[in-house]
Amino acid sequence: MHKPRARDLGLPFPGQTGPFNAITDVAGVTVGFATLTDPSRDMRTGVTAIRPRNDVGVPVPVWAGHYALNGNGEMTGTHWIDDAGYMIGPVCITNTHGVGAVHHGVTRWMIEHYAEFFRQDHGWAMPVVAETYDGVLNDINALHVTPDDAIAALLTAKSGHVGEGSCGGGNGMIAYQFKAGTGTSSRVFEIGGRRYTMGCLVQANHGRRSDFQVLGTPVGQLMPEGVFERGLPQREMGSIIVVLITDAPLSGLSLRQVAKRAALGIGRGGTPGGNSSGDIFLALSVANPGPMPQRAAAVLTKTEINGELIDPLYLAAVQAVEEAVVNAIVAGEDVATFKPAGQIVPGIDTKRLAALF
């Protein structure tokens, strides 16, 4: 049965959403999942795939910027994003020990999907693959995720509604000591008389219950039940990956500034960004489509929002991240632990949460 999302519970999040309140509200963006669950094998993990563009044959660059609030995690491909301000191909999210397998699978998919580019040019694939740790609910050392799982997630990518909670890479994830995982949201905003969309997808696996806030209400302190400590470090452990995509025209430099705002979005939930947490953020713009640089003219012409007018976009990013995290938690259900065994990570009591508002 479909669980209600945060807004369905009456939580008064600010801002106007797109029709799906999802990252797919940005035209052309698609999301797919490979969700791997087998209790007999201690398997609860997966892969989430985000395709910013519906390109094929020859990739069309996507303008990009990245920011790491805390670096105890991985997001491949970001060195080139920092230098070039763009990326090609999809973004995938999985568990910590699945990065290599997913990278291999995405590379294979890119070579096949952009066959003309790799056949005619000296094409290279530098996929963006990010991770968070799911070893409490999944036997992460069994290396359940394979390259084929990454390809399967990419082949299922679609527009419209996006699954949340235990979907894809979010399958084994925990946030604020509630079952969480994948969450998404969007905002519509105006700059200079034009409407744009900001979409967000998170893989939420961070935070301590006592810190958890929703719209300024100390939910974690009001709902402390179900927290288990035995067998776990007594500190924040886990991570969060945030992917922001907009159709507003922005440079790589501006997108790095947008990626920084994800820190403000997750901070609204109460996390301090603990030392054991990998909090890594990616911001993309699908505006200004054009050829690969090696096929482009010597001088490029692009549009870009004036930085002096960009604040509504920053606010949209912060609001979308904040709501996406809560959507990930609201979608959670009770799950038994793998390490330590014999515990339960609870799904949040949505009726009690709604009653607080």
Protein backbone atom coordinates (compact mmCIF):
# COMPACT_ATOMS: atom_id res chain seq x y z
CA MET A 1 0.00 0.00 0.00
CA HIS A 2 1.28 3.47 -0.89
CA LYS A 3 2.32 5.36 2.22
CA PRO A 4 1.42 9.04 2.57
CA ARG A 5 4.17 11.52 1.90
CA ALA A 6 5.07 14.33 4.29
CA ARG A 7 2.66 16.84 2.75
CA ASP A 8 -0.11 14.24 2.76
CA LEU A 9 0.27 14.17 6.56
CA GLY A 10 -0.39 17.90 6.74
CA LEU A 11 3.20 18.97 7.36
CA PRO A 12 3.23 22.61 6.19
CA PHE A 13 6.39 22.74 4.11
CA PRO A 14 6.88 26.14 2.44
CA GLY A 15 7.18 26.68 -1.29
CA GLN A 16 5.37 25.58 -4.43
CA THR A 17 6.15 22.10 -5.72
CA GLY A 18 5.98 20.72 -9.23
CA PRO A 19 3.20 18.26 -10.17
CA PHE A 20 5.02 15.19 -8.82
CA ASN A 21 6.93 16.95 -6.04
CA ALA A 22 9.94 15.02 -7.33
CA ILE A 23 13.21 15.47 -9.15
CA THR A 24 11.40 14.33 -12.30
CA ASP A 25 9.47 17.61 -12.34
CA VAL A 26 12.49 18.93 -14.24
CA ALA A 27 11.69 18.14 -17.86
CA GLY A 28 13.71 15.23 -19.26
CA VAL A 29 14.93 13.89 -15.91
CA THR A 30 14.24 10.20 -15.28
CA VAL A 31 14.89 7.92 -12.28
CA GLY A 32 15.22 4.15 -12.08
CA PHE A 33 15.91 1.59 -9.37
CA ALA A 34 17.34 -1.87 -8.85
CA THR A 35 16.14 -2.95 -5.40
CA LEU A 36 17.81 -6.07 -3.98
CA THR A 37 16.05 -7.69 -1.00
CA ASP A 38 16.58 -11.28 0.13
CA PRO A 39 16.49 -11.91 3.89
CA SER A 40 17.86 -15.44 3.43
CA ARG A 41 21.08 -13.86 2.10
CA ASP A 42 21.10 -10.87 4.47
CA MET A 43 20.57 -8.71 1.39
CA ARG A 44 18.92 -5.29 1.56
CA THR A 45 20.61 -2.93 -0.84
CA GLY A 46 20.38 -1.67 -4.43
CA VAL A 47 21.14 1.00 -7.00
CA THR A 48 19.42 4.30 -7.81
CA ALA A 49 19.97 5.76 -11.29
CA ILE A 50 19.26 9.35 -12.31
CA ARG A 51 19.41 10.37 -15.96
CA PRO A 52 19.52 14.17 -16.30
CA ARG A 53 19.03 14.03 -20.07
CA ASN A 54 17.35 11.70 -22.52
CA ASP A 55 20.38 11.76 -24.83
CA VAL A 56 21.63 8.86 -26.93
CA GLY A 57 24.40 8.19 -29.47
CA VAL A 58 26.50 11.19 -28.49
CA PRO A 59 26.20 12.55 -24.92
CA VAL A 60 25.03 16.10 -24.30
CA PRO A 61 26.94 17.68 -21.40
CA VAL A 62 25.14 18.71 -18.24
CA TRP A 63 26.52 21.69 -16.35
CA ALA A 64 27.58 20.65 -12.87
CA GLY A 65 28.99 21.67 -9.52
CA HIS A 66 29.73 19.67 -6.37
CA TYR A 67 30.36 20.30 -2.70
CA ALA A 68 31.36 18.06 0.22
CA LEU A 69 30.19 19.18 3.65
CA ASN A 70 31.97 16.19 5.20
CA GLY A 71 34.14 13.88 3.17
CA ASN A 72 33.70 10.48 4.85
CA GLY A 73 32.17 9.08 1.67
CA GLU A 74 32.57 8.83 -2.07
CA MET A 75 31.24 10.46 -5.22
CA THR A 76 33.30 9.57 -8.28
CA GLY A 77 33.87 11.95 -11.18
CA THR A 78 33.88 15.09 -9.06
CA HIS A 79 37.51 16.07 -9.76
CA TRP A 80 36.61 16.66 -13.40
CA ILE A 81 33.36 18.39 -12.45
CA ASP A 82 35.36 20.80 -10.28
CA ASP A 83 37.72 21.61 -13.14
CA ALA A 84 35.41 21.47 -16.17
CA GLY A 85 32.04 22.49 -14.75
CA TYR A 86 30.17 19.76 -16.59
CA MET A 87 29.55 16.01 -16.70
CA ILE A 88 28.05 13.49 -19.10
CA GLY A 89 25.83 10.49 -18.55
CA PRO A 90 23.88 9.40 -15.48
CA VAL A 91 24.31 9.69 -11.72
CA CYS A 92 24.05 6.48 -9.68
CA ILE A 93 23.84 5.94 -5.91
CA THR A 94 24.48 2.65 -4.11
CA ASN A 95 26.16 1.32 -0.95
CA THR A 96 29.75 1.94 0.08
CA HIS A 97 31.15 -1.38 -1.16
CA GLY A 98 29.10 -1.27 -4.37
CA VAL A 99 30.77 1.77 -5.93
CA GLY A 100 33.22 -0.26 -8.06
CA ALA A 101 30.57 -2.62 -9.41
CA VAL A 102 28.19 0.23 -10.22
CA HIS A 103 30.99 2.25 -11.85
CA HIS A 104 31.79 -0.75 -14.04
CA GLY A 105 28.13 -1.21 -14.98
CA VAL A 106 27.55 2.46 -15.77
CA THR A 107 30.70 2.56 -17.88
CA ARG A 108 29.47 -0.43 -19.87
CA TRP A 109 26.06 1.18 -20.28
CA MET A 110 27.61 4.46 -21.45
CA ILE A 111 29.83 2.73 -24.03
CA GLU A 112 26.75 1.01 -25.47
CA HIS A 113 24.30 3.90 -25.06
CA TYR A 114 26.65 6.50 -26.56
CA ALA A 115 28.03 4.09 -29.15
CA GLU A 116 28.56 6.73 -31.84
CA PHE A 117 30.64 8.88 -29.51
CA PHE A 118 32.85 6.04 -28.33
CA ARG A 119 33.23 4.64 -31.84
CA GLN A 120 34.09 7.89 -33.64
CA ASP A 121 35.86 9.89 -30.91
CA HIS A 122 38.42 9.12 -28.24
CA GLY A 123 35.52 9.00 -25.82
CA TRP A 124 35.98 8.37 -22.13
CA ALA A 125 33.46 7.54 -19.44
CA MET A 126 33.86 9.09 -16.02
CA PRO A 127 30.59 8.15 -14.29
CA VAL A 128 29.31 9.86 -11.18
CA VAL A 129 28.68 7.12 -8.60
CA ALA A 130 27.96 7.98 -4.97
CA GLU A 131 27.40 5.88 -1.87
CA THR A 132 26.16 5.66 1.69
CA TYR A 133 26.77 2.80 4.15
CA ASP A 134 24.03 0.19 4.61
CA GLY A 135 25.94 -2.35 6.75
CA VAL A 136 23.44 -2.23 9.65
CA LEU A 137 20.62 -3.68 7.51
CA ASN A 138 22.60 -5.39 4.75
CA ASP A 139 25.60 -7.73 4.57
CA ILE A 140 27.65 -5.09 2.79
CA ASN A 141 30.75 -7.32 2.74
CA ALA A 142 28.91 -9.91 0.62
CA LEU A 143 29.16 -7.49 -2.35
CA HIS A 144 25.60 -8.16 -3.46
CA VAL A 145 25.54 -5.28 -5.97
CA THR A 146 26.77 -6.17 -9.48
CA PRO A 147 27.39 -4.19 -12.67
CA ASP A 148 24.19 -5.70 -14.09
CA ASP A 149 22.21 -4.12 -11.24
CA ALA A 150 23.46 -0.69 -12.26
CA ILE A 151 22.43 -1.35 -15.86
CA ALA A 152 19.03 -2.62 -14.70
CA ALA A 153 18.44 0.58 -12.73
CA LEU A 154 19.32 2.67 -15.78
CA LEU A 155 17.03 0.66 -18.05
CA THR A 156 14.07 1.23 -15.72
CA ALA A 157 14.57 5.00 -15.49
CA LYS A 158 11.33 6.88 -16.13
CA SER A 159 9.66 10.22 -15.54
CA GLY A 160 6.71 10.85 -13.23
CA HIS A 161 6.34 9.54 -9.70
CA VAL A 162 9.55 8.44 -7.94
CA GLY A 163 9.69 5.67 -5.34
CA GLU A 164 10.85 6.59 -1.86
CA GLY A 165 12.16 4.86 1.25
CA SER A 166 13.48 1.35 0.57
CA CYS A 167 13.94 1.85 -3.17
CA GLY A 168 17.19 1.26 -5.03
CA GLY A 169 20.25 2.43 -3.17
CA GLY A 170 18.03 3.61 -0.33
CA ASN A 171 16.95 0.06 0.51
CA GLY A 172 19.30 -0.41 3.47
CA MET A 173 19.51 3.16 4.76
CA ILE A 174 18.65 4.77 8.11
CA ALA A 175 18.18 8.47 8.98
CA TYR A 176 17.85 9.85 12.48
CA GLN A 177 17.60 6.20 13.59
CA PHE A 178 14.39 5.73 11.63
CA LYS A 179 14.24 3.56 8.50
CA ALA A 180 14.75 5.96 5.61
CA GLY A 181 16.56 5.84 2.24
CA THR A 182 15.41 7.52 -0.98
CA GLY A 183 13.51 10.79 -0.83
CA THR A 184 12.61 13.42 -3.40
CA SER A 185 10.94 16.82 -3.73
CA SER A 186 10.81 19.84 -6.02
CA ARG A 187 10.15 23.57 -6.06
CA VAL A 188 8.91 25.97 -8.73
CA PHE A 189 10.28 29.51 -8.53
CA GLU A 190 10.58 32.70 -10.60
CA ILE A 191 13.55 34.83 -11.52
CA GLY A 192 13.25 37.75 -13.91
CA GLY A 193 9.65 36.91 -14.75
CA ARG A 194 10.48 33.34 -15.85
CA ARG A 195 9.46 30.14 -14.07
CA TYR A 196 12.00 27.46 -13.33
CA THR A 197 12.02 24.15 -11.47
CA MET A 198 14.45 22.80 -8.88
CA GLY A 199 14.32 19.03 -8.30
CA CYS A 200 16.02 17.10 -5.52
CA LEU A 201 16.74 13.45 -4.73
CA VAL A 202 18.47 12.31 -1.54
CA GLN A 203 19.81 9.04 -0.22
CA ALA A 204 19.35 9.74 3.49
CA ASN A 205 21.45 7.67 5.89
CA HIS A 206 22.47 10.19 8.53
CA GLY A 207 21.59 11.79 11.85
CA ARG A 208 20.91 10.95 15.49
CA ARG A 209 17.34 10.75 16.78
CA SER A 210 17.87 13.36 19.49
CA ASP A 211 18.86 15.94 16.84
CA PHE A 212 15.91 15.33 14.49
CA GLN A 213 13.72 18.34 13.72
CA VAL A 214 10.91 18.88 11.25
CA LEU A 215 10.01 22.48 10.48
CA GLY A 216 11.56 23.52 13.78
CA THR A 217 9.69 20.94 15.88
CA PRO A 218 12.01 18.65 17.91
CA VAL A 219 10.44 15.46 16.58
CA GLY A 220 13.31 13.24 17.69
CA GLN A 221 12.96 14.30 21.30
CA LEU A 222 9.17 13.94 21.19
CA MET A 223 9.37 10.50 19.50
CA PRO A 224 12.42 8.80 21.09
CA GLU A 225 10.97 5.28 21.07
CA GLY A 226 12.61 2.47 19.14
CA VAL A 227 16.17 3.77 19.24
CA PHE A 228 18.64 0.96 19.84
CA GLU A 229 22.23 1.59 20.89
CA ARG A 230 23.63 -1.89 21.59
CA GLY A 231 26.29 -2.83 19.08
CA LEU A 232 26.47 0.57 17.41
CA PRO A 233 28.98 3.43 17.83
CA GLN A 234 27.66 6.16 20.12
CA ARG A 235 27.99 8.87 17.50
CA GLU A 236 26.49 9.92 14.19
CA MET A 237 27.39 7.33 11.57
CA GLY A 238 26.13 7.21 8.02
CA SER A 239 25.97 9.70 5.21
CA ILE A 240 23.68 11.60 2.87
CA ILE A 241 23.96 12.11 -0.87
CA VAL A 242 22.00 15.01 -2.37
CA VAL A 243 21.42 15.49 -6.10
CA LEU A 244 19.87 18.79 -7.19
CA ILE A 245 18.79 19.35 -10.81
CA THR A 246 17.33 22.53 -12.29
CA ASP A 247 16.30 23.83 -15.70
CA ALA A 248 17.58 27.30 -14.79
CA PRO A 249 20.69 28.32 -16.78
CA LEU A 250 23.73 28.26 -14.52
CA SER A 251 27.50 27.94 -14.85
CA GLY A 252 29.60 25.32 -13.12
CA LEU A 253 30.69 27.99 -10.62
CA SER A 254 27.09 28.93 -9.80
CA LEU A 255 26.16 25.25 -9.49
CA ARG A 256 28.87 24.74 -6.91
CA GLN A 257 27.21 27.50 -4.92
CA VAL A 258 23.86 25.74 -5.34
CA ALA A 259 25.38 22.45 -4.14
CA LYS A 260 26.56 24.22 -0.98
CA ARG A 261 22.94 25.11 -0.17
CA ALA A 262 22.17 21.40 0.26
CA ALA A 263 24.05 21.69 3.55
CA LEU A 264 21.49 24.24 4.74
CA GLY A 265 18.68 21.93 3.65
CA ILE A 266 19.93 18.95 5.62
CA GLY A 267 20.85 21.21 8.52
CA ARG A 268 17.19 22.12 8.90
CA GLY A 269 16.64 18.49 9.88
CA GLY A 270 19.03 18.86 12.79
CA THR A 271 22.19 17.01 11.73
CA PRO A 272 25.50 18.66 12.61
CA GLY A 273 27.27 16.71 9.85
CA GLY A 274 29.17 14.36 12.14
CA ASN A 275 32.75 13.25 11.56
CA SER A 276 31.67 9.76 10.49
CA SER A 277 29.12 11.09 8.02
CA GLY A 278 29.82 11.57 4.31
CA ASP A 279 27.66 14.51 3.24
CA ILE A 280 28.30 15.03 -0.48
CA PHE A 281 26.17 17.12 -2.81
CA LEU A 282 25.84 17.50 -6.59
CA ALA A 283 24.00 20.27 -8.45
CA LEU A 284 23.20 20.05 -12.18
CA SER A 285 21.61 22.31 -14.80
CA VAL A 286 20.01 20.87 -17.94
CA ALA A 287 19.78 24.33 -19.55
CA ASN A 288 22.11 25.37 -22.37
CA PRO A 289 22.25 21.99 -24.13
CA GLY A 290 25.07 21.79 -26.61
CA PRO A 291 27.67 19.53 -28.19
CA MET A 292 30.57 17.86 -26.46
CA PRO A 293 33.37 20.43 -26.14
CA GLN A 294 35.63 18.53 -28.54
CA ARG A 295 32.89 18.89 -31.19
CA ALA A 296 32.00 22.51 -30.36
CA ALA A 297 33.15 25.83 -31.81
CA ALA A 298 36.10 27.77 -30.45
CA VAL A 299 33.82 30.28 -28.70
CA LEU A 300 30.78 29.13 -26.76
CA THR A 301 27.71 31.24 -26.06
CA LYS A 302 25.55 30.37 -23.04
CA THR A 303 22.94 32.08 -20.93
CA GLU A 304 23.24 32.34 -17.16
CA ILE A 305 21.14 33.76 -14.35
CA ASN A 306 22.60 36.91 -12.85
CA GLY A 307 24.11 35.98 -9.50
CA GLU A 308 22.64 39.13 -7.94
CA LEU A 309 19.15 37.69 -8.59
CA ILE A 310 19.78 34.05 -7.73
CA ASP A 311 18.45 33.96 -4.16
CA PRO A 312 15.02 32.45 -5.08
CA LEU A 313 16.89 29.52 -6.62
CA TYR A 314 18.97 29.04 -3.48
CA LEU A 315 15.81 29.06 -1.38
CA ALA A 316 14.19 26.50 -3.68
CA ALA A 317 17.19 24.21 -3.25
CA VAL A 318 17.18 24.48 0.55
CA GLN A 319 13.43 23.84 0.77
CA ALA A 320 13.51 20.89 -1.63
CA VAL A 321 16.36 19.18 0.27
CA GLU A 322 14.64 19.68 3.61
CA GLU A 323 11.41 18.09 2.39
CA ALA A 324 13.11 15.27 0.48
CA VAL A 325 14.80 14.06 3.68
CA VAL A 326 11.49 13.97 5.54
CA ASN A 327 9.85 12.18 2.61
CA ALA A 328 12.57 9.52 2.83
CA ILE A 329 11.85 9.00 6.53
CA VAL A 330 8.06 9.06 6.20
CA ALA A 331 8.28 6.25 3.63
CA GLY A 332 10.18 3.95 6.02
CA GLU A 333 8.84 0.75 7.58
CA ASP A 334 10.16 -1.47 10.39
CA VAL A 335 13.19 -3.52 9.30
CA ALA A 336 15.25 -6.11 11.18
CA THR A 337 18.96 -5.44 11.55
CA PHE A 338 21.80 -7.54 10.17
CA LYS A 339 24.67 -6.15 12.30
CA PRO A 340 24.02 -6.19 15.18
CA ALA A 341 21.41 -8.92 14.73
CA GLY A 342 18.16 -9.06 16.63
CA GLN A 343 17.23 -5.39 16.58
CA ILE A 344 14.57 -3.42 14.69
CA VAL A 345 15.05 -0.12 12.92
CA PRO A 346 11.57 1.40 13.11
CA GLY A 347 9.64 3.22 10.49
CA ILE A 348 8.40 6.52 11.86
CA ASP A 349 4.87 6.54 13.27
CA THR A 350 3.24 8.78 10.68
CA LYS A 351 0.05 9.32 12.70
CA ARG A 352 2.05 10.58 15.66
CA LEU A 353 4.15 12.74 13.37
CA ALA A 354 1.05 14.25 11.78
CA ALA A 355 -0.45 14.92 15.21
CA LEU A 356 2.55 17.10 16.10
CA PHE A 357 1.46 19.52 13.37
